[in-house]
Amino acid sequence: MKQTFLPLTLVFFLACSFQNDKADKNRITKNDTVMAEQLIYKGRVVEVWVSKAIFHSPTNNNFFMRFTIQNTSNKTVGIDLSNYWKVIYPNQWGIHKKPYREVVDEGTIVPDTTIDKIALLNRFNNKSLTLIKPNERIDYYRDWNGSGEKIELTNKEDFLIISVDGQILLTDGKEVENITLNNADERHRVIVLNYPIIHLTIPENALTINKK
């Protein structure tokens, strides 16, 4: 994979952005754990957030990340979560000395742009998409497509950086939106976790998307 080196001015900008980004918000889980959520996409009818924590399943050795889709419109929105590779997912992770990637050597998907809008609208009408009511949100947990690697920071000075990638199709019954992250701003699609990392178990009956 070809490596891309970032200019020093851009590296400085990204470092400042990670420290000053106001798009994060806190969320309290059922066990009173407080974690930050990072906004990674803001579209016409939805926002997509990712939790700054690592989730685990008793039936899968890979770690999971929790993604939240918030319906910000006054209409019901239908999300297509039926395809393992056509959702937002953790794409690459690594432990770094700085709160940003000094070298970017990540491969990303080429989004599918051959969208059958009629078929998606038909699925919305027959309620076979994941439906989100106005101003409500849903969580889904997507696994890292790895081999059960253990994620932990042993050095308090290090940072765990996880990049997210993928795409999601959605519709409000009239318009179709194709969320893609491959050209998104680095500070939005890169999640920086510092010590100590929050580890949680996926709740029972949660919506999980993992490779079969």
Protein backbone atom coordinates (compact mmCIF):
# COMPACT_ATOMS: atom_id res chain seq x y z
CA MET A 1 0.00 0.00 0.00
CA LYS A 2 1.37 3.39 -0.97
CA GLN A 3 2.17 5.61 1.98
CA THR A 4 1.02 9.23 2.00
CA PHE A 5 2.99 11.70 4.13
CA LEU A 6 1.08 14.68 5.49
CA PRO A 7 2.59 18.19 5.30
CA LEU A 8 3.68 19.59 8.65
CA THR A 9 1.13 22.39 8.43
CA LEU A 10 -1.67 19.87 7.95
CA VAL A 11 -0.38 17.70 10.79
CA PHE A 12 -0.43 20.74 13.09
CA PHE A 13 -3.96 21.60 11.96
CA LEU A 14 -5.20 18.07 12.62
CA ALA A 15 -3.57 18.00 16.05
CA CYS A 16 -5.29 21.25 17.00
CA SER A 17 -8.59 19.99 15.56
CA PHE A 18 -8.51 16.85 17.71
CA GLN A 19 -7.96 18.97 20.81
CA ASN A 20 -10.58 21.61 19.98
CA ASP A 21 -13.27 19.75 18.04
CA LYS A 22 -16.65 20.68 19.55
CA ALA A 23 -18.55 17.96 17.68
CA ASP A 24 -18.14 15.47 20.55
CA LYS A 25 -20.85 14.86 23.11
CA ASN A 26 -21.11 12.60 26.12
CA ARG A 27 -23.40 9.65 26.55
CA ILE A 28 -24.18 7.62 29.67
CA THR A 29 -24.66 3.88 29.27
CA LYS A 30 -26.96 1.70 31.37
CA ASN A 31 -24.09 0.87 33.72
CA ASP A 32 -23.40 4.60 34.28
CA THR A 33 -20.27 4.60 32.13
CA VAL A 34 -19.76 8.02 30.57
CA MET A 35 -18.17 8.07 27.12
CA ALA A 36 -17.77 10.58 24.34
CA GLU A 37 -19.46 10.28 20.99
CA GLN A 38 -17.89 11.78 17.89
CA LEU A 39 -19.88 13.18 14.99
CA ILE A 40 -18.58 11.64 11.77
CA TYR A 41 -21.30 12.63 9.32
CA LYS A 42 -24.01 15.30 9.15
CA GLY A 43 -26.39 15.03 6.22
CA ARG A 44 -29.76 16.27 5.08
CA VAL A 45 -31.85 14.04 7.36
CA VAL A 46 -29.44 12.17 9.64
CA GLU A 47 -26.30 12.49 11.72
CA VAL A 48 -23.92 9.57 12.26
CA TRP A 49 -21.99 9.29 15.54
CA VAL A 50 -19.44 6.79 16.83
CA SER A 51 -18.84 5.97 20.50
CA LYS A 52 -15.30 6.36 21.80
CA ALA A 53 -15.21 2.92 23.36
CA ILE A 54 -14.45 -0.68 22.46
CA PHE A 55 -17.30 -3.19 22.63
CA HIS A 56 -17.08 -6.96 22.98
CA SER A 57 -19.36 -9.87 22.23
CA PRO A 58 -19.29 -13.27 24.01
CA THR A 59 -19.72 -14.98 20.64
CA ASN A 60 -17.17 -13.06 18.53
CA ASN A 61 -13.45 -12.64 19.16
CA ASN A 62 -13.26 -9.41 17.17
CA PHE A 63 -13.93 -6.09 18.82
CA PHE A 64 -16.96 -3.98 17.88
CA MET A 65 -17.65 -0.27 17.59
CA ARG A 66 -21.01 1.33 18.23
CA PHE A 67 -22.40 3.62 15.55
CA THR A 68 -25.47 5.77 16.13
CA ILE A 69 -27.74 7.13 13.43
CA GLN A 70 -29.80 10.11 14.59
CA ASN A 71 -32.83 11.11 12.56
CA THR A 72 -32.73 14.92 12.58
CA SER A 73 -35.74 15.36 10.27
CA ASN A 74 -39.49 15.46 10.82
CA LYS A 75 -40.02 12.35 8.68
CA THR A 76 -39.42 8.65 9.26
CA VAL A 77 -36.13 7.59 7.66
CA GLY A 78 -35.29 4.11 6.37
CA ILE A 79 -31.69 2.85 6.64
CA ASP A 80 -30.29 -0.11 4.71
CA LEU A 81 -28.19 -2.14 7.18
CA SER A 82 -28.49 -5.44 5.33
CA ASN A 83 -25.02 -5.52 3.75
CA TYR A 84 -21.93 -6.13 5.92
CA TRP A 85 -19.75 -3.91 3.72
CA LYS A 86 -22.33 -1.18 3.08
CA VAL A 87 -22.40 0.28 6.55
CA ILE A 88 -19.99 2.55 8.41
CA TYR A 89 -17.36 0.35 10.05
CA PRO A 90 -13.92 0.37 11.76
CA ASN A 91 -11.41 0.19 8.93
CA GLN A 92 -7.92 0.45 10.44
CA TRP A 93 -6.49 0.76 13.92
CA GLY A 94 -3.10 1.35 15.46
CA ILE A 95 -1.29 2.66 18.52
CA HIS A 96 0.41 6.03 18.03
CA LYS A 97 2.65 8.38 19.97
CA LYS A 98 0.70 11.43 18.79
CA PRO A 99 -3.08 12.07 18.76
CA TYR A 100 -3.04 12.01 14.95
CA ARG A 101 -1.64 9.84 12.16
CA GLU A 102 1.76 11.08 11.06
CA VAL A 103 1.76 8.60 8.16
CA VAL A 104 -1.43 7.52 6.39
CA ASP A 105 -1.15 4.07 4.80
CA GLU A 106 -4.79 3.09 4.82
CA GLY A 107 -6.76 1.45 2.05
CA THR A 108 -10.39 2.59 1.73
CA ILE A 109 -13.36 1.31 -0.23
CA VAL A 110 -14.54 2.62 -3.57
CA PRO A 111 -18.20 3.42 -2.80
CA ASP A 112 -20.87 1.72 -4.88
CA THR A 113 -22.62 4.45 -6.86
CA THR A 114 -24.85 2.14 -8.92
CA ILE A 115 -27.81 2.70 -6.63
CA ASP A 116 -31.21 1.25 -7.48
CA LYS A 117 -33.29 4.09 -6.06
CA ILE A 118 -36.61 2.53 -7.04
CA ALA A 119 -35.77 -0.69 -5.20
CA LEU A 120 -34.72 1.26 -2.10
CA LEU A 121 -37.94 3.29 -2.12
CA ASN A 122 -39.96 0.06 -2.51
CA ARG A 123 -38.15 -1.38 0.52
CA PHE A 124 -39.01 1.76 2.47
CA ASN A 125 -42.66 1.45 1.54
CA ASN A 126 -42.86 -2.24 2.48
CA LYS A 127 -40.97 -1.51 5.74
CA SER A 128 -38.06 -3.86 5.03
CA LEU A 129 -35.48 -1.17 5.89
CA THR A 130 -34.44 -0.23 9.43
CA LEU A 131 -36.86 2.60 10.22
CA ILE A 132 -36.05 5.54 12.49
CA LYS A 133 -38.86 7.86 13.58
CA PRO A 134 -38.40 11.64 13.60
CA ASN A 135 -35.84 12.86 16.16
CA GLU A 136 -35.08 9.30 17.30
CA ARG A 137 -31.86 7.31 17.02
CA ILE A 138 -30.72 3.73 16.59
CA ASP A 139 -27.44 2.05 17.50
CA TYR A 140 -25.72 -0.70 15.60
CA TYR A 141 -22.53 -2.55 16.50
CA ARG A 142 -20.14 -3.45 13.70
CA ASP A 143 -17.18 -5.77 14.19
CA TRP A 144 -13.60 -5.16 13.12
CA ASN A 145 -12.82 -7.52 10.24
CA GLY A 146 -9.69 -8.89 11.89
CA SER A 147 -8.51 -11.99 13.70
CA GLY A 148 -9.40 -11.35 17.31
CA GLU A 149 -6.65 -8.82 18.00
CA LYS A 150 -6.62 -7.49 21.56
CA ILE A 151 -6.84 -3.74 21.83
CA GLU A 152 -5.29 -2.13 24.88
CA LEU A 153 -3.03 0.77 25.78
CA THR A 154 -0.26 -0.16 28.18
CA ASN A 155 1.55 3.16 27.93
CA LYS A 156 -0.47 6.09 29.29
CA GLU A 157 1.26 8.41 26.84
CA ASP A 158 0.06 6.53 23.74
CA PHE A 159 -3.12 6.93 21.70
CA LEU A 160 -5.33 4.35 20.01
CA ILE A 161 -6.45 5.64 16.62
CA ILE A 162 -9.24 3.94 14.68
CA SER A 163 -10.30 5.14 11.25
CA VAL A 164 -13.83 4.48 10.01
CA ASP A 165 -14.96 3.94 6.44
CA GLY A 166 -17.91 2.62 4.47
CA GLN A 167 -21.21 3.82 3.13
CA ILE A 168 -24.90 3.72 4.06
CA LEU A 169 -27.98 4.08 1.89
CA LEU A 170 -31.05 5.76 3.34
CA THR A 171 -34.29 7.39 2.26
CA ASP A 172 -37.13 9.41 3.73
CA GLY A 173 -39.55 7.91 1.20
CA LYS A 174 -38.90 10.59 -1.40
CA GLU A 175 -35.20 11.35 -1.61
CA VAL A 176 -32.32 8.85 -1.48
CA GLU A 177 -29.06 9.68 0.29
CA ASN A 178 -25.81 7.74 -0.11
CA ILE A 179 -23.51 8.36 2.87
CA THR A 180 -19.85 7.84 2.03
CA LEU A 181 -16.77 8.51 4.14
CA ASN A 182 -13.84 7.83 1.82
CA ASN A 183 -13.39 11.53 1.08
CA ALA A 184 -14.41 12.81 4.51
CA ASP A 185 -12.28 15.18 6.56
CA GLU A 186 -9.55 13.28 8.45
CA ARG A 187 -10.59 14.71 11.81
CA HIS A 188 -14.13 13.35 11.37
CA ARG A 189 -13.38 9.81 10.24
CA VAL A 190 -10.46 9.19 12.60
CA ILE A 191 -11.34 8.32 16.20
CA VAL A 192 -8.69 9.04 18.84
CA LEU A 193 -8.88 7.20 22.18
CA ASN A 194 -6.50 7.89 25.01
CA TYR A 195 -5.68 5.96 28.17
CA PRO A 196 -7.62 4.27 29.71
CA ILE A 197 -9.72 2.78 26.92
CA ILE A 198 -13.34 2.08 27.84
CA HIS A 199 -14.25 -1.58 27.28
CA LEU A 200 -17.92 -2.59 27.37
CA THR A 201 -20.07 -5.61 26.55
CA ILE A 202 -22.63 -5.32 23.77
CA PRO A 203 -26.12 -5.20 25.34
CA GLU A 204 -28.47 -8.13 24.85
CA ASN A 205 -30.76 -7.82 21.82
CA ALA A 206 -28.54 -5.11 20.33
CA LEU A 207 -28.36 -4.70 16.57
CA THR A 208 -25.02 -6.27 15.62
CA ILE A 209 -23.52 -6.49 12.14
CA ASN A 210 -20.78 -9.07 11.91
CA LYS A 211 -19.32 -11.24 9.19
CA LYS A 212 -21.12 -14.55 8.83
